PDB file of all heavy atoms in Angstrom:
ATOM      1  N   ARG A   1      79.950  59.266 128.592  1.00  0.00           N
ATOM      2  CA  ARG A   1      78.690  59.794 128.659  1.00  0.00           C
ATOM      3  C   ARG A   1      78.684  61.367 128.434  1.00  0.00           C
ATOM      4  O   ARG A   1      77.977  61.963 127.727  1.00  0.00           O
ATOM      5  CB  ARG A   1      77.902  59.457 129.909  1.00  0.00           C
ATOM      6  CG  ARG A   1      77.426  58.019 129.930  1.00  0.00           C
ATOM      7  CD  ARG A   1      76.435  57.812 131.071  1.00  0.00           C
ATOM      8  NE  ARG A   1      77.068  57.845 132.330  1.00  0.00           N
ATOM      9  CZ  ARG A   1      77.492  56.831 133.010  1.00  0.00           C
ATOM     10  NH1 ARG A   1      77.533  55.581 132.414  1.00  0.00           N
ATOM     11  NH2 ARG A   1      78.042  56.918 134.184  1.00  0.00           N
ATOM     12  N   ASP A   2      79.622  61.945 129.181  1.00  0.00           N
ATOM     13  CA  ASP A   2      79.788  63.457 129.043  1.00  0.00           C
ATOM     14  C   ASP A   2      80.234  63.727 127.670  1.00  0.00           C
ATOM     15  O   ASP A   2      79.769  64.835 127.083  1.00  0.00           O
ATOM     16  CB  ASP A   2      80.925  63.895 130.104  1.00  0.00           C
ATOM     17  CG  ASP A   2      80.399  63.824 131.496  1.00  0.00           C
ATOM     18  OD1 ASP A   2      79.173  63.676 131.668  1.00  0.00           O
ATOM     19  OD2 ASP A   2      81.330  63.817 132.411  1.00  0.00           O
ATOM     20  N   LEU A   3      81.066  62.930 126.985  1.00  0.00           N
ATOM     21  CA  LEU A   3      81.555  63.304 125.623  1.00  0.00           C
ATOM     22  C   LEU A   3      80.404  63.212 124.722  1.00  0.00           C
ATOM     23  O   LEU A   3      80.231  64.076 123.777  1.00  0.00           O
ATOM     24  CB  LEU A   3      82.608  62.231 125.247  1.00  0.00           C
ATOM     25  CG  LEU A   3      83.110  62.394 123.754  1.00  0.00           C
ATOM     26  CD1 LEU A   3      83.772  63.775 123.597  1.00  0.00           C
ATOM     27  CD2 LEU A   3      84.095  61.282 123.393  1.00  0.00           C
ATOM     28  N   THR A   4      79.442  62.198 124.943  1.00  0.00           N
ATOM     29  CA  THR A   4      78.171  62.082 124.147  1.00  0.00           C
ATOM     30  C   THR A   4      77.453  63.475 124.195  1.00  0.00           C
ATOM     31  O   THR A   4      76.923  63.940 123.205  1.00  0.00           O
ATOM     32  CB  THR A   4      77.410  60.939 124.541  1.00  0.00           C
ATOM     33  OG1 THR A   4      78.165  59.731 124.363  1.00  0.00           O
ATOM     34  CG2 THR A   4      76.110  60.786 123.691  1.00  0.00           C
ATOM     35  N   VAL A   5      77.335  63.964 125.376  1.00  0.00           N
ATOM     36  CA  VAL A   5      76.507  65.200 125.592  1.00  0.00           C
ATOM     37  C   VAL A   5      77.154  66.379 124.866  1.00  0.00           C
ATOM     38  O   VAL A   5      76.571  67.103 124.193  1.00  0.00           O
ATOM     39  CB  VAL A   5      76.304  65.541 127.052  1.00  0.00           C
ATOM     40  CG1 VAL A   5      75.722  66.941 127.241  1.00  0.00           C
ATOM     41  CG2 VAL A   5      75.493  64.396 127.789  1.00  0.00           C
ATOM     42  N   LEU A   6      78.515  66.465 125.092  1.00  0.00           N
ATOM     43  CA  LEU A   6      79.279  67.606 124.400  1.00  0.00           C
ATOM     44  C   LEU A   6      79.171  67.446 122.965  1.00  0.00           C
ATOM     45  O   LEU A   6      79.204  68.497 122.250  1.00  0.00           O
ATOM     46  CB  LEU A   6      80.723  67.521 124.960  1.00  0.00           C
ATOM     47  CG  LEU A   6      80.922  67.904 126.465  1.00  0.00           C
ATOM     48  CD1 LEU A   6      82.309  67.664 126.935  1.00  0.00           C
ATOM     49  CD2 LEU A   6      80.606  69.419 126.684  1.00  0.00           C
ATOM     50  N   THR A   7      79.375  66.204 122.480  1.00  0.00           N
ATOM     51  CA  THR A   7      79.384  66.024 120.995  1.00  0.00           C
ATOM     52  C   THR A   7      77.955  66.486 120.428  1.00  0.00           C
ATOM     53  O   THR A   7      77.907  66.957 119.346  1.00  0.00           O
ATOM     54  CB  THR A   7      79.694  64.622 120.652  1.00  0.00           C
ATOM     55  OG1 THR A   7      81.040  64.276 121.175  1.00  0.00           O
ATOM     56  CG2 THR A   7      79.680  64.351 119.153  1.00  0.00           C
ATOM     57  N   GLY A   8      76.992  66.065 121.177  1.00  0.00           N
ATOM     58  CA  GLY A   8      75.711  66.438 120.738  1.00  0.00           C
ATOM     59  C   GLY A   8      75.445  67.831 120.624  1.00  0.00           C
ATOM     60  O   GLY A   8      74.829  68.399 119.702  1.00  0.00           O
ATOM     61  N   THR A   9      75.971  68.626 121.671  1.00  0.00           N
ATOM     62  CA  THR A   9      75.828  70.034 121.632  1.00  0.00           C
ATOM     63  C   THR A   9      76.612  70.670 120.481  1.00  0.00           C
ATOM     64  O   THR A   9      76.112  71.569 119.777  1.00  0.00           O
ATOM     65  CB  THR A   9      76.353  70.641 123.063  1.00  0.00           C
ATOM     66  OG1 THR A   9      75.652  70.112 124.096  1.00  0.00           O
ATOM     67  CG2 THR A   9      76.353  72.115 123.018  1.00  0.00           C
ATOM     68  N   ARG A  10      77.808  70.174 120.258  1.00  0.00           N
ATOM     69  CA  ARG A  10      78.636  70.654 119.198  1.00  0.00           C
ATOM     70  C   ARG A  10      77.936  70.336 117.844  1.00  0.00           C
ATOM     71  O   ARG A  10      77.910  71.304 116.988  1.00  0.00           O
ATOM     72  CB  ARG A  10      80.004  69.928 119.112  1.00  0.00           C
ATOM     73  CG  ARG A  10      80.921  70.403 118.034  1.00  0.00           C
ATOM     74  CD  ARG A  10      81.918  69.318 117.682  1.00  0.00           C
ATOM     75  NE  ARG A  10      81.291  68.129 117.282  1.00  0.00           N
ATOM     76  CZ  ARG A  10      82.033  66.956 117.053  1.00  0.00           C
ATOM     77  NH1 ARG A  10      83.252  66.899 117.420  1.00  0.00           N
ATOM     78  NH2 ARG A  10      81.384  65.777 116.648  1.00  0.00           N
ATOM     79  N   ASP A  11      77.377  69.200 117.648  1.00  0.00           N
ATOM     80  CA  ASP A  11      76.710  68.925 116.420  1.00  0.00           C
ATOM     81  C   ASP A  11      75.431  69.744 116.198  1.00  0.00           C
ATOM     82  O   ASP A  11      75.151  70.204 115.054  1.00  0.00           O
ATOM     83  CB  ASP A  11      76.314  67.496 116.317  1.00  0.00           C
ATOM     84  CG  ASP A  11      77.505  66.500 116.235  1.00  0.00           C
ATOM     85  OD1 ASP A  11      78.547  67.045 115.978  1.00  0.00           O
ATOM     86  OD2 ASP A  11      77.383  65.284 116.534  1.00  0.00           O
ATOM     87  N   ASP A  12      74.706  70.057 117.343  1.00  0.00           N
ATOM     88  CA  ASP A  12      73.617  70.971 117.118  1.00  0.00           C
ATOM     89  C   ASP A  12      74.054  72.399 116.696  1.00  0.00           C
ATOM     90  O   ASP A  12      73.318  73.052 115.913  1.00  0.00           O
ATOM     91  CB  ASP A  12      72.831  71.039 118.491  1.00  0.00           C
ATOM     92  CG  ASP A  12      72.100  69.825 118.799  1.00  0.00           C
ATOM     93  OD1 ASP A  12      71.851  68.949 117.983  1.00  0.00           O
ATOM     94  OD2 ASP A  12      71.712  69.586 120.089  1.00  0.00           O
ATOM     95  N   ILE A  13      75.125  72.840 117.260  1.00  0.00           N
ATOM     96  CA  ILE A  13      75.560  74.152 116.852  1.00  0.00           C
ATOM     97  C   ILE A  13      76.046  74.140 115.420  1.00  0.00           C
ATOM     98  O   ILE A  13      75.847  75.081 114.565  1.00  0.00           O
ATOM     99  CB  ILE A  13      76.798  74.605 117.830  1.00  0.00           C
ATOM    100  CG1 ILE A  13      76.299  74.709 119.226  1.00  0.00           C
ATOM    101  CG2 ILE A  13      77.437  75.911 117.317  1.00  0.00           C
ATOM    102  CD1 ILE A  13      77.370  74.964 120.289  1.00  0.00           C
ATOM    103  N   ARG A  14      76.691  73.094 115.004  1.00  0.00           N
ATOM    104  CA  ARG A  14      77.094  72.912 113.512  1.00  0.00           C
ATOM    105  C   ARG A  14      75.869  72.976 112.629  1.00  0.00           C
ATOM    106  O   ARG A  14      75.971  73.627 111.554  1.00  0.00           O
ATOM    107  CB  ARG A  14      77.778  71.652 113.291  1.00  0.00           C
ATOM    108  CG  ARG A  14      79.304  71.673 113.865  1.00  0.00           C
ATOM    109  CD  ARG A  14      79.919  70.338 113.676  1.00  0.00           C
ATOM    110  NE  ARG A  14      81.403  70.229 113.977  1.00  0.00           N
ATOM    111  CZ  ARG A  14      82.085  69.155 113.925  1.00  0.00           C
ATOM    112  NH1 ARG A  14      81.696  68.035 113.552  1.00  0.00           N
ATOM    113  NH2 ARG A  14      83.432  69.279 114.183  1.00  0.00           N
ATOM    114  N   THR A  15      74.860  72.285 113.095  1.00  0.00           N
ATOM    115  CA  THR A  15      73.565  72.397 112.285  1.00  0.00           C
ATOM    116  C   THR A  15      72.970  73.803 112.158  1.00  0.00           C
ATOM    117  O   THR A  15      72.513  74.195 111.120  1.00  0.00           O
ATOM    118  CB  THR A  15      72.528  71.344 112.898  1.00  0.00           C
ATOM    119  OG1 THR A  15      73.136  69.990 112.909  1.00  0.00           O
ATOM    120  CG2 THR A  15      71.265  71.322 112.043  1.00  0.00           C
ATOM    121  N   GLU A  16      73.068  74.423 113.341  1.00  0.00           N
ATOM    122  CA  GLU A  16      72.575  75.804 113.399  1.00  0.00           C
ATOM    123  C   GLU A  16      73.422  76.645 112.510  1.00  0.00           C
ATOM    124  O   GLU A  16      72.821  77.588 111.808  1.00  0.00           O
ATOM    125  CB  GLU A  16      72.616  76.327 114.803  1.00  0.00           C
ATOM    126  CG  GLU A  16      72.085  77.682 114.981  1.00  0.00           C
ATOM    127  CD  GLU A  16      72.140  78.250 116.426  1.00  0.00           C
ATOM    128  OE1 GLU A  16      72.610  77.444 117.282  1.00  0.00           O
ATOM    129  OE2 GLU A  16      71.731  79.380 116.670  1.00  0.00           O
ATOM    130  N   LEU A  17      74.720  76.543 112.549  1.00  0.00           N
ATOM    131  CA  LEU A  17      75.591  77.331 111.713  1.00  0.00           C
ATOM    132  C   LEU A  17      75.352  76.947 110.188  1.00  0.00           C
ATOM    133  O   LEU A  17      75.328  77.913 109.383  1.00  0.00           O
ATOM    134  CB  LEU A  17      77.024  77.042 112.082  1.00  0.00           C
ATOM    135  CG  LEU A  17      78.137  77.848 111.270  1.00  0.00           C
ATOM    136  CD1 LEU A  17      77.934  79.351 111.455  1.00  0.00           C
ATOM    137  CD2 LEU A  17      79.499  77.429 111.629  1.00  0.00           C
ATOM    138  N   THR A  18      75.154  75.757 109.844  1.00  0.00           N
ATOM    139  CA  THR A  18      74.870  75.368 108.415  1.00  0.00           C
ATOM    140  C   THR A  18      73.621  76.012 108.006  1.00  0.00           C
ATOM    141  O   THR A  18      73.512  76.519 106.829  1.00  0.00           O
ATOM    142  CB  THR A  18      74.725  73.828 108.311  1.00  0.00           C
ATOM    143  OG1 THR A  18      75.941  73.285 108.698  1.00  0.00           O
ATOM    144  CG2 THR A  18      74.377  73.485 106.999  1.00  0.00           C
ATOM    145  N   ARG A  19      72.568  76.045 108.918  1.00  0.00           N
ATOM    146  CA  ARG A  19      71.365  76.657 108.427  1.00  0.00           C
ATOM    147  C   ARG A  19      71.523  78.168 108.235  1.00  0.00           C
ATOM    148  O   ARG A  19      71.006  78.807 107.307  1.00  0.00           O
ATOM    149  CB  ARG A  19      70.282  76.501 109.578  1.00  0.00           C
ATOM    150  CG  ARG A  19      68.982  77.172 109.259  1.00  0.00           C
ATOM    151  CD  ARG A  19      67.955  76.912 110.408  1.00  0.00           C
ATOM    152  NE  ARG A  19      68.528  77.403 111.754  1.00  0.00           N
ATOM    153  CZ  ARG A  19      68.437  78.645 112.061  1.00  0.00           C
ATOM    154  NH1 ARG A  19      67.976  79.623 111.192  1.00  0.00           N
ATOM    155  NH2 ARG A  19      68.978  79.107 113.157  1.00  0.00           N
ATOM    156  N   LEU A  20      72.330  78.795 109.175  1.00  0.00           N
ATOM    157  CA  LEU A  20      72.614  80.322 108.986  1.00  0.00           C
ATOM    158  C   LEU A  20      73.300  80.514 107.748  1.00  0.00           C
ATOM    159  O   LEU A  20      73.050  81.541 107.024  1.00  0.00           O
ATOM    160  CB  LEU A  20      73.307  80.784 110.191  1.00  0.00           C
ATOM    161  CG  LEU A  20      72.502  80.975 111.533  1.00  0.00           C
ATOM    162  CD1 LEU A  20      73.521  81.259 112.658  1.00  0.00           C
ATOM    163  CD2 LEU A  20      71.581  82.168 111.321  1.00  0.00           C
ATOM    164  N   GLU A  21      74.297  79.785 107.418  1.00  0.00           N
ATOM    165  CA  GLU A  21      75.052  79.889 106.176  1.00  0.00           C
ATOM    166  C   GLU A  21      74.183  79.793 104.911  1.00  0.00           C
ATOM    167  O   GLU A  21      74.313  80.525 104.040  1.00  0.00           O
ATOM    168  CB  GLU A  21      76.196  78.933 106.105  1.00  0.00           C
ATOM    169  CG  GLU A  21      77.282  79.223 107.075  1.00  0.00           C
ATOM    170  CD  GLU A  21      78.314  77.948 107.178  1.00  0.00           C
ATOM    171  OE1 GLU A  21      77.988  76.950 106.735  1.00  0.00           O
ATOM    172  OE2 GLU A  21      79.366  78.231 107.761  1.00  0.00           O
ATOM    173  N   SER A  22      73.250  78.861 105.126  1.00  0.00           N
ATOM    174  CA  SER A  22      72.217  78.756 103.995  1.00  0.00           C
ATOM    175  C   SER A  22      71.320  79.926 103.851  1.00  0.00           C
ATOM    176  O   SER A  22      71.095  80.405 102.688  1.00  0.00           O
ATOM    177  CB  SER A  22      71.463  77.443 104.202  1.00  0.00           C
ATOM    178  OG  SER A  22      70.411  77.292 103.210  1.00  0.00           O
ATOM    179  N   ASP A  23      70.867  80.473 105.075  1.00  0.00           N
ATOM    180  CA  ASP A  23      70.030  81.658 104.971  1.00  0.00           C
ATOM    181  C   ASP A  23      70.838  82.846 104.291  1.00  0.00           C
ATOM    182  O   ASP A  23      70.304  83.543 103.567  1.00  0.00           O
ATOM    183  CB  ASP A  23      69.597  81.895 106.316  1.00  0.00           C
ATOM    184  CG  ASP A  23      68.533  81.019 106.927  1.00  0.00           C
ATOM    185  OD1 ASP A  23      68.045  80.236 106.079  1.00  0.00           O
ATOM    186  OD2 ASP A  23      68.307  81.013 108.147  1.00  0.00           O
ATOM    187  N   VAL A  24      72.171  82.934 104.677  1.00  0.00           N
ATOM    188  CA  VAL A  24      72.915  83.952 104.192  1.00  0.00           C
ATOM    189  C   VAL A  24      73.090  83.959 102.639  1.00  0.00           C
ATOM    190  O   VAL A  24      72.915  84.867 101.908  1.00  0.00           O
ATOM    191  CB  VAL A  24      74.326  84.031 104.849  1.00  0.00           C
ATOM    192  CG1 VAL A  24      75.286  85.062 104.163  1.00  0.00           C
ATOM    193  CG2 VAL A  24      74.222  84.463 106.305  1.00  0.00           C
ATOM    194  N   ARG A  25      73.319  82.658 102.227  1.00  0.00           N
ATOM    195  CA  ARG A  25      73.397  82.500 100.706  1.00  0.00           C
ATOM    196  C   ARG A  25      72.173  82.882 100.029  1.00  0.00           C
ATOM    197  O   ARG A  25      72.168  83.548  99.032  1.00  0.00           O
ATOM    198  CB  ARG A  25      73.872  81.116 100.456  1.00  0.00           C
ATOM    199  CG  ARG A  25      75.348  80.637 100.781  1.00  0.00           C
ATOM    200  CD  ARG A  25      75.680  79.425 100.048  1.00  0.00           C
ATOM    201  NE  ARG A  25      74.889  78.331 100.480  1.00  0.00           N
ATOM    202  CZ  ARG A  25      75.131  77.537 101.673  1.00  0.00           C
ATOM    203  NH1 ARG A  25      76.198  77.840 102.377  1.00  0.00           N
ATOM    204  NH2 ARG A  25      74.291  76.518 101.990  1.00  0.00           N
TER     205      ARG A  25
END
């Protein structure tokens, strides 16, 4: 259960980073 929460947090950050990379491009 803790891993699910941590994975969700990591994936949200990855999504945020992808959006920022797109904005930079």
